Amino acid sequence: MGRAYVGLGANLGDRAATLTRALQLLGDRPEIEVVAVSAFRETDPVGYLEQPRFLNAAAEIETSLPPEVLLGTLLDVERELGRIREGPRFGPRTVDLDLLLMEGVTVDEPGLTLPHPRLHERAFALAPLAELDPSLVVPGRGSVRDLLEGLESSP
């Protein structure tokens, strides 16, 4: 089993219920154990600003799945919860599950980059990770605590 971190977000419908259900669906799979979940937090949208605020969190999981299969599982859960990939990039969505990190794994392939390529720029993803493990290291970037502090101190 390997440790992985998943970012969760939603800004349509009953956001808290959707994120809770996503965590249940992940934990129901025999290859995935949800170890810890950060608090849910309200965040402003990034990229496409004309949309409702998000509810974001992160989950620490243990999994026997390789990264490509885990990503497919996250996409399956999104579809099960009604995610439709239409509209503007970074636009409104019922649910968004991002594979942020897998301990000891880096990947750079079409359709999958680990760690997540914009993780170091996104406070909405770093803050929940820092809650779970502030010393967690984003390969090539540093600890989530230091990355988050850098974003918070920049103008």
N, C-alpha and C. Protein backbone atom coordinates (compact mmCIF):
# COMPACT_ATOMS: atom_id res chain seq x y z
N MET A 1 0.85 -1.19 0.00
CA MET A 1 0.00 0.00 0.00
C MET A 1 0.89 1.24 0.00
N GLY A 2 0.48 2.23 -0.75
CA GLY A 2 1.19 3.50 -0.79
C GLY A 2 0.28 4.63 -0.35
N ARG A 3 0.92 5.69 0.09
CA ARG A 3 0.18 6.87 0.56
C ARG A 3 -0.01 7.84 -0.59
N ALA A 4 -1.23 8.38 -0.69
CA ALA A 4 -1.54 9.36 -1.71
C ALA A 4 -2.41 10.45 -1.09
N TYR A 5 -2.45 11.58 -1.75
CA TYR A 5 -3.25 12.72 -1.28
C TYR A 5 -4.15 13.19 -2.41
N VAL A 6 -5.42 13.34 -2.09
CA VAL A 6 -6.43 13.72 -3.06
C VAL A 6 -7.04 15.05 -2.64
N GLY A 7 -7.12 15.98 -3.59
CA GLY A 7 -7.81 17.24 -3.36
C GLY A 7 -9.27 17.08 -3.75
N LEU A 8 -10.15 17.64 -2.93
CA LEU A 8 -11.59 17.57 -3.20
C LEU A 8 -12.14 18.98 -3.29
N GLY A 9 -13.03 19.20 -4.23
CA GLY A 9 -13.66 20.50 -4.35
C GLY A 9 -15.04 20.38 -4.97
N ALA A 10 -15.90 21.34 -4.66
CA ALA A 10 -17.25 21.41 -5.24
C ALA A 10 -17.76 22.83 -5.07
N ASN A 11 -18.53 23.29 -6.07
CA ASN A 11 -19.16 24.60 -5.89
C ASN A 11 -20.59 24.65 -6.44
N LEU A 12 -21.17 23.50 -6.71
CA LEU A 12 -22.56 23.42 -7.13
C LEU A 12 -23.31 22.44 -6.23
N GLY A 13 -24.57 22.73 -5.98
CA GLY A 13 -25.40 21.81 -5.19
C GLY A 13 -25.00 21.83 -3.72
N ASP A 14 -25.31 20.73 -3.04
CA ASP A 14 -24.96 20.57 -1.62
C ASP A 14 -23.50 20.13 -1.55
N ARG A 15 -22.63 21.11 -1.50
CA ARG A 15 -21.19 20.85 -1.62
C ARG A 15 -20.67 19.91 -0.54
N ALA A 16 -21.04 20.14 0.71
CA ALA A 16 -20.54 19.30 1.81
C ALA A 16 -21.02 17.86 1.65
N ALA A 17 -22.28 17.68 1.29
CA ALA A 17 -22.81 16.33 1.09
C ALA A 17 -22.10 15.63 -0.06
N THR A 18 -21.81 16.37 -1.11
CA THR A 18 -21.12 15.78 -2.27
C THR A 18 -19.71 15.35 -1.90
N LEU A 19 -18.98 16.20 -1.18
CA LEU A 19 -17.61 15.84 -0.79
C LEU A 19 -17.63 14.65 0.17
N THR A 20 -18.58 14.64 1.08
CA THR A 20 -18.70 13.52 2.02
C THR A 20 -19.00 12.23 1.28
N ARG A 21 -19.90 12.30 0.30
CA ARG A 21 -20.24 11.12 -0.49
C ARG A 21 -19.03 10.65 -1.32
N ALA A 22 -18.27 11.59 -1.87
CA ALA A 22 -17.07 11.22 -2.63
C ALA A 22 -16.10 10.43 -1.74
N LEU A 23 -15.92 10.89 -0.52
CA LEU A 23 -15.04 10.19 0.41
C LEU A 23 -15.57 8.79 0.74
N GLN A 24 -16.89 8.68 0.89
CA GLN A 24 -17.50 7.36 1.15
C GLN A 24 -17.27 6.42 -0.03
N LEU A 25 -17.50 6.94 -1.24
CA LEU A 25 -17.33 6.10 -2.43
C LEU A 25 -15.88 5.65 -2.59
N LEU A 26 -14.93 6.53 -2.29
CA LEU A 26 -13.52 6.13 -2.34
C LEU A 26 -13.22 5.07 -1.30
N GLY A 27 -13.68 5.30 -0.07
CA GLY A 27 -13.43 4.36 1.01
C GLY A 27 -14.11 3.02 0.83
N ASP A 28 -15.17 2.96 0.02
CA ASP A 28 -15.88 1.70 -0.24
C ASP A 28 -15.08 0.78 -1.15
N ARG A 29 -14.11 1.32 -1.84
CA ARG A 29 -13.30 0.49 -2.75
C ARG A 29 -12.25 -0.28 -1.94
N PRO A 30 -12.11 -1.57 -2.21
CA PRO A 30 -11.20 -2.39 -1.39
C PRO A 30 -9.74 -1.97 -1.50
N GLU A 31 -9.37 -1.29 -2.59
CA GLU A 31 -7.97 -0.92 -2.79
C GLU A 31 -7.64 0.43 -2.17
N ILE A 32 -8.63 1.07 -1.54
CA ILE A 32 -8.42 2.41 -1.00
C ILE A 32 -8.90 2.47 0.44
N GLU A 33 -8.04 3.01 1.31
CA GLU A 33 -8.43 3.29 2.69
C GLU A 33 -8.24 4.79 2.92
N VAL A 34 -9.32 5.47 3.29
CA VAL A 34 -9.24 6.88 3.63
C VAL A 34 -8.69 6.97 5.05
N VAL A 35 -7.50 7.54 5.19
CA VAL A 35 -6.80 7.58 6.47
C VAL A 35 -7.15 8.84 7.26
N ALA A 36 -7.23 9.97 6.56
CA ALA A 36 -7.51 11.25 7.23
C ALA A 36 -8.13 12.21 6.21
N VAL A 37 -8.93 13.13 6.73
CA VAL A 37 -9.57 14.14 5.90
C VAL A 37 -9.41 15.49 6.60
N SER A 38 -9.03 16.49 5.85
CA SER A 38 -8.92 17.84 6.40
C SER A 38 -10.31 18.41 6.64
N ALA A 39 -10.35 19.55 7.29
CA ALA A 39 -11.61 20.29 7.42
C ALA A 39 -12.03 20.76 6.03
N PHE A 40 -13.33 20.93 5.85
CA PHE A 40 -13.85 21.56 4.64
C PHE A 40 -13.70 23.06 4.81
N ARG A 41 -13.27 23.75 3.75
CA ARG A 41 -13.07 25.19 3.84
C ARG A 41 -13.58 25.88 2.58
N GLU A 42 -14.19 27.05 2.79
CA GLU A 42 -14.67 27.89 1.69
C GLU A 42 -13.49 28.58 1.04
N THR A 43 -13.48 28.57 -0.30
CA THR A 43 -12.40 29.25 -1.03
C THR A 43 -12.98 29.97 -2.24
N ASP A 44 -12.29 31.00 -2.66
CA ASP A 44 -12.68 31.73 -3.85
C ASP A 44 -12.27 30.95 -5.09
N PRO A 45 -13.02 31.09 -6.18
CA PRO A 45 -12.63 30.42 -7.42
C PRO A 45 -11.32 30.98 -7.96
N VAL A 46 -10.63 30.16 -8.73
CA VAL A 46 -9.36 30.54 -9.36
C VAL A 46 -9.51 30.33 -10.87
N GLY A 47 -9.00 31.26 -11.64
CA GLY A 47 -9.05 31.12 -13.09
C GLY A 47 -10.31 31.71 -13.67
N TYR A 48 -11.42 31.06 -13.48
CA TYR A 48 -12.72 31.52 -13.96
C TYR A 48 -13.47 32.04 -12.74
N LEU A 49 -13.57 33.36 -12.62
CA LEU A 49 -14.02 33.99 -11.37
C LEU A 49 -15.53 34.14 -11.24
N GLU A 50 -16.27 34.12 -12.34
CA GLU A 50 -17.71 34.34 -12.30
C GLU A 50 -18.46 33.05 -11.98
N GLN A 51 -18.31 32.59 -10.75
CA GLN A 51 -18.95 31.35 -10.31
C GLN A 51 -19.01 31.35 -8.79
N PRO A 52 -19.82 30.44 -8.21
CA PRO A 52 -19.92 30.37 -6.74
C PRO A 52 -18.59 29.97 -6.09
N ARG A 53 -18.48 30.27 -4.80
CA ARG A 53 -17.30 29.86 -4.03
C ARG A 53 -17.25 28.34 -3.91
N PHE A 54 -16.06 27.85 -3.71
CA PHE A 54 -15.84 26.41 -3.58
C PHE A 54 -15.80 25.98 -2.12
N LEU A 55 -16.06 24.72 -1.91
CA LEU A 55 -15.76 24.05 -0.66
C LEU A 55 -14.64 23.08 -1.01
N ASN A 56 -13.51 23.19 -0.33
CA ASN A 56 -12.34 22.36 -0.62
C ASN A 56 -11.88 21.60 0.60
N ALA A 57 -11.21 20.49 0.35
CA ALA A 57 -10.62 19.66 1.40
C ALA A 57 -9.54 18.80 0.76
N ALA A 58 -8.85 18.04 1.58
CA ALA A 58 -7.89 17.05 1.10
C ALA A 58 -8.06 15.79 1.91
N ALA A 59 -7.77 14.67 1.26
CA ALA A 59 -7.83 13.37 1.94
C ALA A 59 -6.49 12.66 1.78
N GLU A 60 -6.06 12.07 2.85
CA GLU A 60 -4.89 11.20 2.83
C GLU A 60 -5.42 9.78 2.71
N ILE A 61 -4.91 9.05 1.72
CA ILE A 61 -5.38 7.69 1.53
C ILE A 61 -4.21 6.72 1.47
N GLU A 62 -4.50 5.48 1.75
CA GLU A 62 -3.57 4.37 1.50
C GLU A 62 -4.20 3.58 0.36
N THR A 63 -3.38 3.23 -0.63
CA THR A 63 -3.92 2.52 -1.78
C THR A 63 -2.90 1.55 -2.36
N SER A 64 -3.42 0.49 -2.93
CA SER A 64 -2.58 -0.46 -3.66
C SER A 64 -2.62 -0.18 -5.16
N LEU A 65 -3.38 0.83 -5.56
CA LEU A 65 -3.54 1.14 -6.98
C LEU A 65 -2.35 1.94 -7.51
N PRO A 66 -1.91 1.64 -8.73
CA PRO A 66 -0.91 2.50 -9.37
C PRO A 66 -1.56 3.84 -9.71
N PRO A 67 -0.74 4.88 -9.93
CA PRO A 67 -1.29 6.23 -10.13
C PRO A 67 -2.31 6.34 -11.26
N GLU A 68 -2.06 5.70 -12.38
CA GLU A 68 -2.99 5.80 -13.51
C GLU A 68 -4.35 5.21 -13.17
N VAL A 69 -4.35 4.10 -12.45
CA VAL A 69 -5.60 3.45 -12.08
C VAL A 69 -6.32 4.26 -10.99
N LEU A 70 -5.55 4.82 -10.06
CA LEU A 70 -6.15 5.67 -9.03
C LEU A 70 -6.81 6.89 -9.67
N LEU A 71 -6.13 7.51 -10.63
CA LEU A 71 -6.73 8.65 -11.33
C LEU A 71 -8.03 8.23 -12.01
N GLY A 72 -8.04 7.09 -12.66
CA GLY A 72 -9.26 6.59 -13.28
C GLY A 72 -10.37 6.38 -12.27
N THR A 73 -10.03 5.91 -11.09
CA THR A 73 -11.01 5.72 -10.03
C THR A 73 -11.58 7.05 -9.57
N LEU A 74 -10.73 8.07 -9.44
CA LEU A 74 -11.21 9.40 -9.06
C LEU A 74 -12.18 9.93 -10.11
N LEU A 75 -11.85 9.74 -11.38
CA LEU A 75 -12.74 10.19 -12.45
C LEU A 75 -14.06 9.42 -12.44
N ASP A 76 -14.00 8.13 -12.13
CA ASP A 76 -15.23 7.33 -12.01
C ASP A 76 -16.14 7.86 -10.91
N VAL A 77 -15.55 8.21 -9.77
CA VAL A 77 -16.33 8.76 -8.66
C VAL A 77 -16.94 10.09 -9.06
N GLU A 78 -16.17 10.94 -9.75
CA GLU A 78 -16.71 12.21 -10.23
C GLU A 78 -17.95 11.97 -11.11
N ARG A 79 -17.84 11.05 -12.05
CA ARG A 79 -18.97 10.76 -12.94
C ARG A 79 -20.17 10.23 -12.16
N GLU A 80 -19.90 9.35 -11.19
CA GLU A 80 -20.98 8.79 -10.37
C GLU A 80 -21.72 9.89 -9.61
N LEU A 81 -21.01 10.96 -9.27
CA LEU A 81 -21.61 12.07 -8.53
C LEU A 81 -22.12 13.18 -9.46
N GLY A 82 -22.18 12.92 -10.75
CA GLY A 82 -22.80 13.85 -11.67
C GLY A 82 -21.90 14.85 -12.34
N ARG A 83 -20.59 14.67 -12.24
CA ARG A 83 -19.67 15.62 -12.88
C ARG A 83 -19.76 15.49 -14.39
N ILE A 84 -19.99 16.61 -15.04
CA ILE A 84 -20.00 16.68 -16.50
C ILE A 84 -18.92 17.68 -16.88
N ARG A 85 -18.01 17.27 -17.74
CA ARG A 85 -16.89 18.13 -18.12
C ARG A 85 -17.25 18.96 -19.34
N GLU A 86 -18.07 19.97 -19.09
CA GLU A 86 -18.47 20.93 -20.12
C GLU A 86 -18.25 22.31 -19.55
N GLY A 87 -18.35 23.31 -20.41
CA GLY A 87 -18.22 24.68 -19.94
C GLY A 87 -16.77 25.10 -19.86
N PRO A 88 -16.54 26.27 -19.26
CA PRO A 88 -15.19 26.82 -19.23
C PRO A 88 -14.25 26.01 -18.33
N ARG A 89 -12.98 26.01 -18.72
CA ARG A 89 -11.97 25.38 -17.88
C ARG A 89 -11.95 26.10 -16.54
N PHE A 90 -11.84 25.35 -15.47
CA PHE A 90 -11.86 25.86 -14.09
C PHE A 90 -13.24 26.42 -13.73
N GLY A 91 -14.27 26.07 -14.51
CA GLY A 91 -15.61 26.57 -14.26
C GLY A 91 -16.33 25.81 -13.16
N PRO A 92 -17.61 26.11 -12.95
CA PRO A 92 -18.39 25.47 -11.90
C PRO A 92 -18.46 23.95 -12.08
N ARG A 93 -18.50 23.24 -10.94
CA ARG A 93 -18.59 21.78 -11.01
C ARG A 93 -19.22 21.21 -9.75
N THR A 94 -19.90 20.09 -9.95
CA THR A 94 -20.51 19.41 -8.81
C THR A 94 -19.46 18.82 -7.90
N VAL A 95 -18.37 18.33 -8.50
CA VAL A 95 -17.29 17.74 -7.71
C VAL A 95 -16.01 17.72 -8.55
N ASP A 96 -14.91 17.85 -7.88
CA ASP A 96 -13.59 17.78 -8.52
C ASP A 96 -12.68 17.01 -7.59
N LEU A 97 -12.13 15.91 -8.08
CA LEU A 97 -11.18 15.10 -7.31
C LEU A 97 -9.86 15.12 -8.05
N ASP A 98 -8.84 15.67 -7.41
CA ASP A 98 -7.52 15.78 -8.01
C ASP A 98 -6.52 14.92 -7.27
N LEU A 99 -5.78 14.11 -8.01
CA LEU A 99 -4.67 13.37 -7.43
C LEU A 99 -3.51 14.35 -7.30
N LEU A 100 -3.20 14.74 -6.06
CA LEU A 100 -2.20 15.78 -5.81
C LEU A 100 -0.80 15.22 -5.69
N LEU A 101 -0.65 14.16 -4.91
CA LEU A 101 0.66 13.58 -4.62
C LEU A 101 0.52 12.09 -4.35
N MET A 102 1.55 11.34 -4.70
CA MET A 102 1.69 9.96 -4.23
C MET A 102 3.11 9.86 -3.69
N GLU A 103 3.22 9.42 -2.46
CA GLU A 103 4.53 9.34 -1.81
C GLU A 103 5.50 8.50 -2.63
N GLY A 104 6.65 9.09 -2.94
CA GLY A 104 7.70 8.38 -3.65
C GLY A 104 7.44 8.21 -5.14
N VAL A 105 6.42 8.89 -5.68
CA VAL A 105 6.07 8.71 -7.09
C VAL A 105 6.07 10.05 -7.80
N THR A 106 6.76 10.10 -8.92
CA THR A 106 6.64 11.23 -9.83
C THR A 106 6.27 10.66 -11.20
N VAL A 107 5.38 11.35 -11.89
CA VAL A 107 4.90 10.91 -13.19
C VAL A 107 4.78 12.16 -14.07
N ASP A 108 5.19 12.03 -15.32
CA ASP A 108 4.98 13.10 -16.29
C ASP A 108 4.61 12.45 -17.62
N GLU A 109 3.32 12.17 -17.76
CA GLU A 109 2.79 11.51 -18.94
C GLU A 109 1.58 12.28 -19.42
N PRO A 110 1.19 12.10 -20.67
CA PRO A 110 -0.06 12.73 -21.12
C PRO A 110 -1.22 12.26 -20.23
N GLY A 111 -1.95 13.21 -19.68
CA GLY A 111 -3.10 12.88 -18.83
C GLY A 111 -2.79 12.72 -17.36
N LEU A 112 -1.52 12.65 -16.98
CA LEU A 112 -1.19 12.51 -15.57
C LEU A 112 0.20 13.07 -15.28
N THR A 113 0.23 14.04 -14.36
CA THR A 113 1.49 14.59 -13.86
C THR A 113 1.42 14.55 -12.34
N LEU A 114 2.44 13.96 -11.73
CA LEU A 114 2.54 13.91 -10.27
C LEU A 114 3.92 14.38 -9.86
N PRO A 115 4.01 15.27 -8.87
CA PRO A 115 2.88 15.88 -8.19
C PRO A 115 2.05 16.74 -9.14
N HIS A 116 0.85 17.06 -8.71
CA HIS A 116 -0.05 17.89 -9.53
C HIS A 116 0.73 19.13 -9.99
N PRO A 117 0.68 19.46 -11.28
CA PRO A 117 1.57 20.50 -11.81
C PRO A 117 1.35 21.91 -11.24
N ARG A 118 0.17 22.21 -10.71
CA ARG A 118 -0.07 23.55 -10.17
C ARG A 118 -0.25 23.54 -8.65
N LEU A 119 0.03 22.43 -8.01
CA LEU A 119 -0.17 22.31 -6.57
C LEU A 119 0.56 23.42 -5.81
N HIS A 120 1.81 23.70 -6.17
CA HIS A 120 2.62 24.68 -5.44
C HIS A 120 2.07 26.11 -5.56
N GLU A 121 1.12 26.34 -6.48
CA GLU A 121 0.55 27.69 -6.69
C GLU A 121 -0.82 27.85 -6.05
N ARG A 122 -1.36 26.81 -5.44
CA ARG A 122 -2.77 26.80 -5.05
C ARG A 122 -2.94 26.66 -3.54
N ALA A 123 -3.21 27.78 -2.92
CA ALA A 123 -3.44 27.77 -1.47
C ALA A 123 -4.63 26.89 -1.10
N PHE A 124 -5.65 26.85 -1.96
CA PHE A 124 -6.84 26.06 -1.65
C PHE A 124 -6.54 24.57 -1.58
N ALA A 125 -5.43 24.13 -2.19
CA ALA A 125 -5.00 22.74 -2.10
C ALA A 125 -3.92 22.56 -1.03
N LEU A 126 -3.03 23.54 -0.90
CA LEU A 126 -1.94 23.44 0.08
C LEU A 126 -2.43 23.53 1.52
N ALA A 127 -3.41 24.41 1.79
CA ALA A 127 -3.88 24.59 3.17
C ALA A 127 -4.45 23.29 3.75
N PRO A 128 -5.31 22.55 3.02
CA PRO A 128 -5.78 21.28 3.58
C PRO A 128 -4.66 20.25 3.72
N LEU A 129 -3.71 20.24 2.78
CA LEU A 129 -2.58 19.33 2.92
C LEU A 129 -1.75 19.67 4.15
N ALA A 130 -1.54 20.97 4.39
CA ALA A 130 -0.76 21.39 5.56
C ALA A 130 -1.46 20.99 6.85
N GLU A 131 -2.78 20.99 6.84
CA GLU A 131 -3.53 20.52 8.01
C GLU A 131 -3.27 19.05 8.26
N LEU A 132 -3.21 18.26 7.19
CA LEU A 132 -2.98 16.82 7.33
C LEU A 132 -1.54 16.51 7.71
N ASP A 133 -0.58 17.21 7.08
CA ASP A 133 0.83 16.95 7.34
C ASP A 133 1.66 18.13 6.85
N PRO A 134 1.97 19.11 7.73
CA PRO A 134 2.69 20.31 7.30
C PRO A 134 4.10 20.02 6.78
N SER A 135 4.68 18.91 7.15
CA SER A 135 6.03 18.59 6.68
C SER A 135 6.01 17.78 5.38
N LEU A 136 4.84 17.48 4.87
CA LEU A 136 4.72 16.77 3.60
C LEU A 136 5.48 17.54 2.53
N VAL A 137 6.27 16.83 1.73
CA VAL A 137 7.11 17.47 0.72
C VAL A 137 6.52 17.27 -0.66
N VAL A 138 6.43 18.37 -1.39
CA VAL A 138 6.07 18.33 -2.81
C VAL A 138 7.40 18.21 -3.55
N PRO A 139 7.66 17.08 -4.20
CA PRO A 139 8.96 16.87 -4.84
C PRO A 139 9.35 18.03 -5.76
N GLY A 140 10.57 18.51 -5.58
CA GLY A 140 11.09 19.59 -6.39
C GLY A 140 10.63 20.97 -5.98
N ARG A 141 9.75 21.05 -4.94
CA ARG A 141 9.18 22.34 -4.54
C ARG A 141 9.38 22.68 -3.07
N GLY A 142 9.37 21.68 -2.19
CA GLY A 142 9.52 21.92 -0.76
C GLY A 142 8.32 21.45 0.02
N SER A 143 8.30 21.79 1.30
CA SER A 143 7.21 21.34 2.18
C SER A 143 5.94 22.14 1.90
N VAL A 144 4.80 21.51 2.13
CA VAL A 144 3.54 22.23 1.91
C VAL A 144 3.45 23.44 2.84
N ARG A 145 3.99 23.35 4.02
CA ARG A 145 3.98 24.49 4.95
C ARG A 145 4.74 25.67 4.36
N ASP A 146 5.95 25.41 3.85
CA ASP A 146 6.75 26.49 3.28
C ASP A 146 6.12 27.06 2.01
N LEU A 147 5.56 26.19 1.18
CA LEU A 147 4.89 26.66 -0.03
C LEU A 147 3.69 27.53 0.30
N LEU A 148 2.91 27.10 1.28
CA LEU A 148 1.74 27.88 1.69
C LEU A 148 2.16 29.21 2.29
N GLU A 149 3.17 29.20 3.14
CA GLU A 149 3.66 30.47 3.72
C GLU A 149 4.15 31.42 2.63
N GLY A 150 4.80 30.89 1.62
CA GLY A 150 5.26 31.72 0.51
C GLY A 150 4.11 32.36 -0.25
N LEU A 151 3.03 31.61 -0.44
CA LEU A 151 1.87 32.18 -1.12
C LEU A 151 1.18 33.23 -0.26
N GLU A 152 1.09 32.96 1.04
CA GLU A 152 0.41 33.90 1.94
C GLU A 152 1.17 35.19 2.14
N SER A 153 2.50 35.14 1.98
CA SER A 153 3.31 36.34 2.21
C SER A 153 3.52 37.14 0.93
N SER A 154 3.16 36.56 -0.22
CA SER A 154 3.34 37.31 -1.47
C SER A 154 2.17 38.24 -1.70
N PRO A 155 2.42 39.40 -2.33
CA PRO A 155 1.35 40.39 -2.52
C PRO A 155 0.25 39.92 -3.44
